[in-house]
Amino acid sequence: MSVVFIQSHYGPMPRSFAGPVSYNRVEIVEETDLTDDRIASAHGLITTMHLDQIGFLEHRAALAEFFGGGGRLFFNGHILKPFVDGLQTFRPVLSLKLADLQLCRLNPHPVFGALDPVDMAAQKGVMGFYGRGHNPMPEGARPLTGIGVQKQPIDWDWALPDGGMMFCHAGNDLWGLAPGGYDAEKALTERIIAWVNGDLEDVAA
């Protein structure tokens, strides 16, 4: 069993994953090389906002087996092709006024550690990089971060009915949004990997 980072774009892996890959905590698998067997045998999966969801949808049976075995998925981006029963497609905010892009913390999660998602809302003073909408939560999911005046769940986690866990962030790849420079990015990446690997408690202290 292993944690698989699905590389969905050309070029190098995200820089904060270089260390974990070098000491075999994460395996990089090019999306074009992804197979049902590789998914079903993984302990955890990490995807990026560049995921080819049409291709990913072809692995529905393997994903069901993956989750049924207790696997964990960390998903970034907009759900456009629901690949698991219960998921719904992305809903953008209807306005890009400042109030519609504000974030609020709804529940803690160990992936964030001491970070407050509210502090990640702006990048270089510009709002909207964290996300501009939400993937509606499946039944039984827990909201983590809300966006806009209606506090729609831009981040949520979900214990699937038949087993396994999913963390969903409806925006740009989360590790790249950590405030505080590269050290903060590496620390957030390590917590994501630890959660996917089952090494973090699901309820923050």
Protein backbone atom coordinates (compact mmCIF):
# COMPACT_ATOMS: atom_id res chain seq x y z
CA MET A 1 0.00 0.00 0.00
CA SER A 2 1.25 3.53 -0.74
CA VAL A 3 0.27 7.15 -1.22
CA VAL A 4 0.02 8.05 -4.90
CA PHE A 5 0.27 11.59 -6.21
CA ILE A 6 -1.43 11.69 -9.61
CA GLN A 7 0.61 13.98 -11.86
CA SER A 8 -1.89 15.52 -14.27
CA HIS A 9 0.22 18.13 -16.03
CA TYR A 10 3.53 18.38 -17.84
CA GLY A 11 6.59 19.55 -15.99
CA PRO A 12 8.04 18.78 -12.57
CA MET A 13 6.13 17.70 -9.50
CA PRO A 14 5.15 20.41 -7.00
CA ARG A 15 8.34 21.42 -5.22
CA SER A 16 6.99 20.67 -1.74
CA PHE A 17 6.55 16.99 -2.70
CA ALA A 18 10.21 16.47 -3.60
CA GLY A 19 11.23 15.53 -0.05
CA PRO A 20 8.38 13.07 0.59
CA VAL A 21 9.04 11.43 -2.77
CA SER A 22 12.77 11.12 -2.05
CA TYR A 23 12.14 9.13 1.13
CA ASN A 24 9.36 7.03 -0.37
CA ARG A 25 6.37 8.48 1.47
CA VAL A 26 4.74 9.38 -1.84
CA GLU A 27 4.91 7.85 -5.31
CA ILE A 28 4.41 10.06 -8.36
CA VAL A 29 2.29 8.40 -11.05
CA GLU A 30 1.70 10.13 -14.34
CA GLU A 31 -2.02 10.26 -15.04
CA THR A 32 -1.46 8.64 -18.42
CA ASP A 33 0.08 5.65 -16.59
CA LEU A 34 -2.70 5.32 -14.02
CA THR A 35 -4.40 1.91 -13.97
CA ASP A 36 -7.29 0.36 -12.06
CA ASP A 37 -4.88 -1.93 -10.24
CA ARG A 38 -2.72 1.02 -9.14
CA ILE A 39 -5.74 2.85 -7.74
CA ALA A 40 -7.23 -0.16 -6.01
CA SER A 41 -3.92 -1.09 -4.38
CA ALA A 42 -3.11 2.42 -3.11
CA HIS A 43 -3.54 3.49 0.49
CA GLY A 44 -4.14 7.11 -0.47
CA LEU A 45 -4.53 9.32 -3.54
CA ILE A 46 -3.73 13.00 -4.01
CA THR A 47 -5.04 14.79 -7.09
CA THR A 48 -4.54 18.29 -8.45
CA MET A 49 -6.83 20.84 -10.03
CA HIS A 50 -5.52 19.66 -13.43
CA LEU A 51 -7.01 16.15 -13.08
CA ASP A 52 -8.58 14.80 -16.28
CA GLN A 53 -11.92 13.92 -14.75
CA ILE A 54 -13.24 12.29 -17.92
CA GLY A 55 -10.36 9.82 -17.70
CA PHE A 56 -10.70 9.52 -13.92
CA LEU A 57 -14.36 8.63 -14.35
CA GLU A 58 -13.30 5.50 -16.22
CA HIS A 59 -11.80 4.24 -12.95
CA ARG A 60 -15.09 4.29 -11.01
CA ALA A 61 -14.98 0.60 -10.15
CA ALA A 62 -11.38 0.79 -8.96
CA LEU A 63 -12.18 3.90 -6.92
CA ALA A 64 -15.08 2.08 -5.25
CA GLU A 65 -12.67 -0.73 -4.37
CA PHE A 66 -10.12 1.80 -3.15
CA PHE A 67 -12.59 3.50 -0.81
CA GLY A 68 -14.08 0.19 0.28
CA GLY A 69 -10.62 -0.83 1.49
CA GLY A 70 -10.36 2.29 3.63
CA GLY A 71 -8.49 4.46 1.12
CA ARG A 72 -8.32 8.24 1.41
CA LEU A 73 -8.51 10.81 -1.37
CA PHE A 74 -7.32 14.43 -1.19
CA PHE A 75 -9.06 16.25 -4.05
CA ASN A 76 -8.32 19.76 -5.33
CA GLY A 77 -10.42 21.61 -7.87
CA HIS A 78 -13.89 21.66 -9.35
CA ILE A 79 -15.91 18.46 -9.54
CA LEU A 80 -17.15 18.35 -13.12
CA LYS A 81 -17.59 14.59 -13.62
CA PRO A 82 -18.77 12.99 -10.35
CA PHE A 83 -16.63 9.88 -10.01
CA VAL A 84 -18.21 8.57 -6.80
CA ASP A 85 -21.90 8.23 -5.98
CA GLY A 86 -23.02 11.18 -3.89
CA LEU A 87 -20.81 13.83 -5.47
CA GLN A 88 -22.25 16.83 -7.32
CA THR A 89 -20.80 19.25 -9.83
CA PHE A 90 -19.10 22.52 -8.91
CA ARG A 91 -21.15 25.64 -8.31
CA PRO A 92 -19.38 28.98 -8.83
CA VAL A 93 -20.12 32.05 -6.76
CA LEU A 94 -22.62 34.22 -8.61
CA SER A 95 -20.78 37.44 -7.85
CA LEU A 96 -17.11 38.30 -7.42
CA LYS A 97 -17.66 41.06 -4.89
CA LEU A 98 -15.31 40.99 -1.93
CA ALA A 99 -17.99 39.66 0.42
CA ASP A 100 -18.64 36.72 -1.93
CA LEU A 101 -14.99 35.61 -1.72
CA GLN A 102 -14.51 35.96 2.03
CA LEU A 103 -13.72 32.74 3.90
CA CYS A 104 -14.83 31.59 7.33
CA ARG A 105 -13.76 28.60 9.37
CA LEU A 106 -16.65 26.23 10.08
CA ASN A 107 -14.88 23.26 11.65
CA PRO A 108 -11.24 22.46 12.45
CA HIS A 109 -9.28 19.84 10.55
CA PRO A 110 -5.77 18.51 11.24
CA VAL A 111 -4.66 19.16 7.65
CA PHE A 112 -4.70 22.87 8.43
CA GLY A 113 -2.75 22.52 11.67
CA ALA A 114 -2.28 26.00 13.12
CA LEU A 115 -3.24 27.61 9.80
CA ASP A 116 -6.57 29.38 9.59
CA PRO A 117 -8.04 29.12 6.07
CA VAL A 118 -9.27 32.68 6.52
CA ASP A 119 -5.62 33.78 6.36
CA MET A 120 -5.27 32.00 3.01
CA ALA A 121 -8.08 33.89 1.27
CA ALA A 122 -5.84 36.47 -0.39
CA GLN A 123 -2.64 35.91 -2.34
CA LYS A 124 -0.45 39.02 -2.63
CA GLY A 125 -3.49 41.05 -1.63
CA VAL A 126 -5.79 39.58 -4.29
CA MET A 127 -8.90 37.64 -3.29
CA GLY A 128 -10.23 34.59 -5.10
CA PHE A 129 -7.16 32.40 -5.48
CA TYR A 130 -8.33 30.07 -2.70
CA GLY A 131 -11.47 29.36 -4.68
CA ARG A 132 -14.50 30.92 -6.31
CA GLY A 133 -17.27 28.51 -5.54
CA HIS A 134 -17.93 25.15 -3.94
CA ASN A 135 -18.46 21.49 -4.65
CA PRO A 136 -21.77 20.67 -2.93
CA MET A 137 -21.31 18.31 -0.01
CA PRO A 138 -22.56 14.73 -0.24
CA GLU A 139 -24.90 13.55 2.48
CA GLY A 140 -23.00 13.03 5.72
CA ALA A 141 -20.04 15.26 4.85
CA ARG A 142 -18.68 17.84 7.29
CA PRO A 143 -18.12 21.46 6.24
CA LEU A 144 -14.69 22.86 7.09
CA THR A 145 -14.41 26.24 5.38
CA GLY A 146 -17.22 28.44 4.09
CA ILE A 147 -17.10 30.99 1.28
CA GLY A 148 -19.27 34.03 0.77
CA VAL A 149 -22.16 35.41 2.74
CA GLN A 150 -23.96 32.04 2.62
CA LYS A 151 -20.87 30.21 3.89
CA GLN A 152 -21.02 27.58 1.17
CA PRO A 153 -18.58 24.70 1.86
CA ILE A 154 -15.44 25.32 -0.19
CA ASP A 155 -13.65 22.69 1.98
CA TRP A 156 -15.26 19.58 3.40
CA ASP A 157 -14.39 16.07 4.46
CA TRP A 158 -16.51 12.96 4.09
CA ALA A 159 -16.54 9.48 5.53
CA LEU A 160 -18.04 7.51 2.65
CA PRO A 161 -20.90 5.14 3.53
CA ASP A 162 -19.01 2.06 2.29
CA GLY A 163 -15.65 3.07 3.75
CA GLY A 164 -12.80 5.43 3.06
CA MET A 165 -12.44 9.20 3.40
CA MET A 166 -12.35 12.18 1.07
CA PHE A 167 -11.07 15.70 1.66
CA CYS A 168 -12.38 18.13 -0.95
CA HIS A 169 -10.96 21.59 -1.63
CA ALA A 170 -12.85 23.41 -4.40
CA GLY A 171 -10.05 25.64 -5.59
CA ASN A 172 -6.39 25.90 -6.53
CA ASP A 173 -4.07 23.22 -5.14
CA LEU A 174 -4.16 23.78 -1.39
CA TRP A 175 -0.43 23.36 -0.67
CA GLY A 176 0.37 26.29 -2.96
CA LEU A 177 -1.81 28.65 -0.91
CA ALA A 178 -0.06 28.37 2.44
CA PRO A 179 0.92 31.81 3.76
CA GLY A 180 4.48 32.16 5.01
CA GLY A 181 6.57 31.02 2.07
CA TYR A 182 8.10 27.68 1.14
CA ASP A 183 8.48 26.39 4.71
CA ALA A 184 4.74 26.81 5.27
CA GLU A 185 4.03 25.11 1.93
CA LYS A 186 6.20 22.13 2.91
CA ALA A 187 4.53 21.86 6.31
CA LEU A 188 1.04 21.90 4.79
CA THR A 189 2.11 19.32 2.22
CA GLU A 190 3.43 17.06 4.99
CA ARG A 191 0.11 17.28 6.85
CA ILE A 192 -1.84 16.47 3.69
CA ILE A 193 0.32 13.39 3.13
CA ALA A 194 0.01 12.38 6.77
CA TRP A 195 -3.79 12.66 6.63
CA VAL A 196 -4.00 10.67 3.40
CA ASN A 197 -1.76 8.04 4.97
CA GLY A 198 -3.95 7.85 8.08
CA ASP A 199 -1.27 9.30 10.36
CA LEU A 200 -3.35 12.30 11.52
CA GLU A 201 -6.41 12.10 13.70
CA ASP A 202 -9.58 13.15 11.88
CA VAL A 203 -10.62 15.49 14.67
CA ALA A 204 -8.21 18.32 15.36
CA ALA A 205 -6.97 18.73 18.90
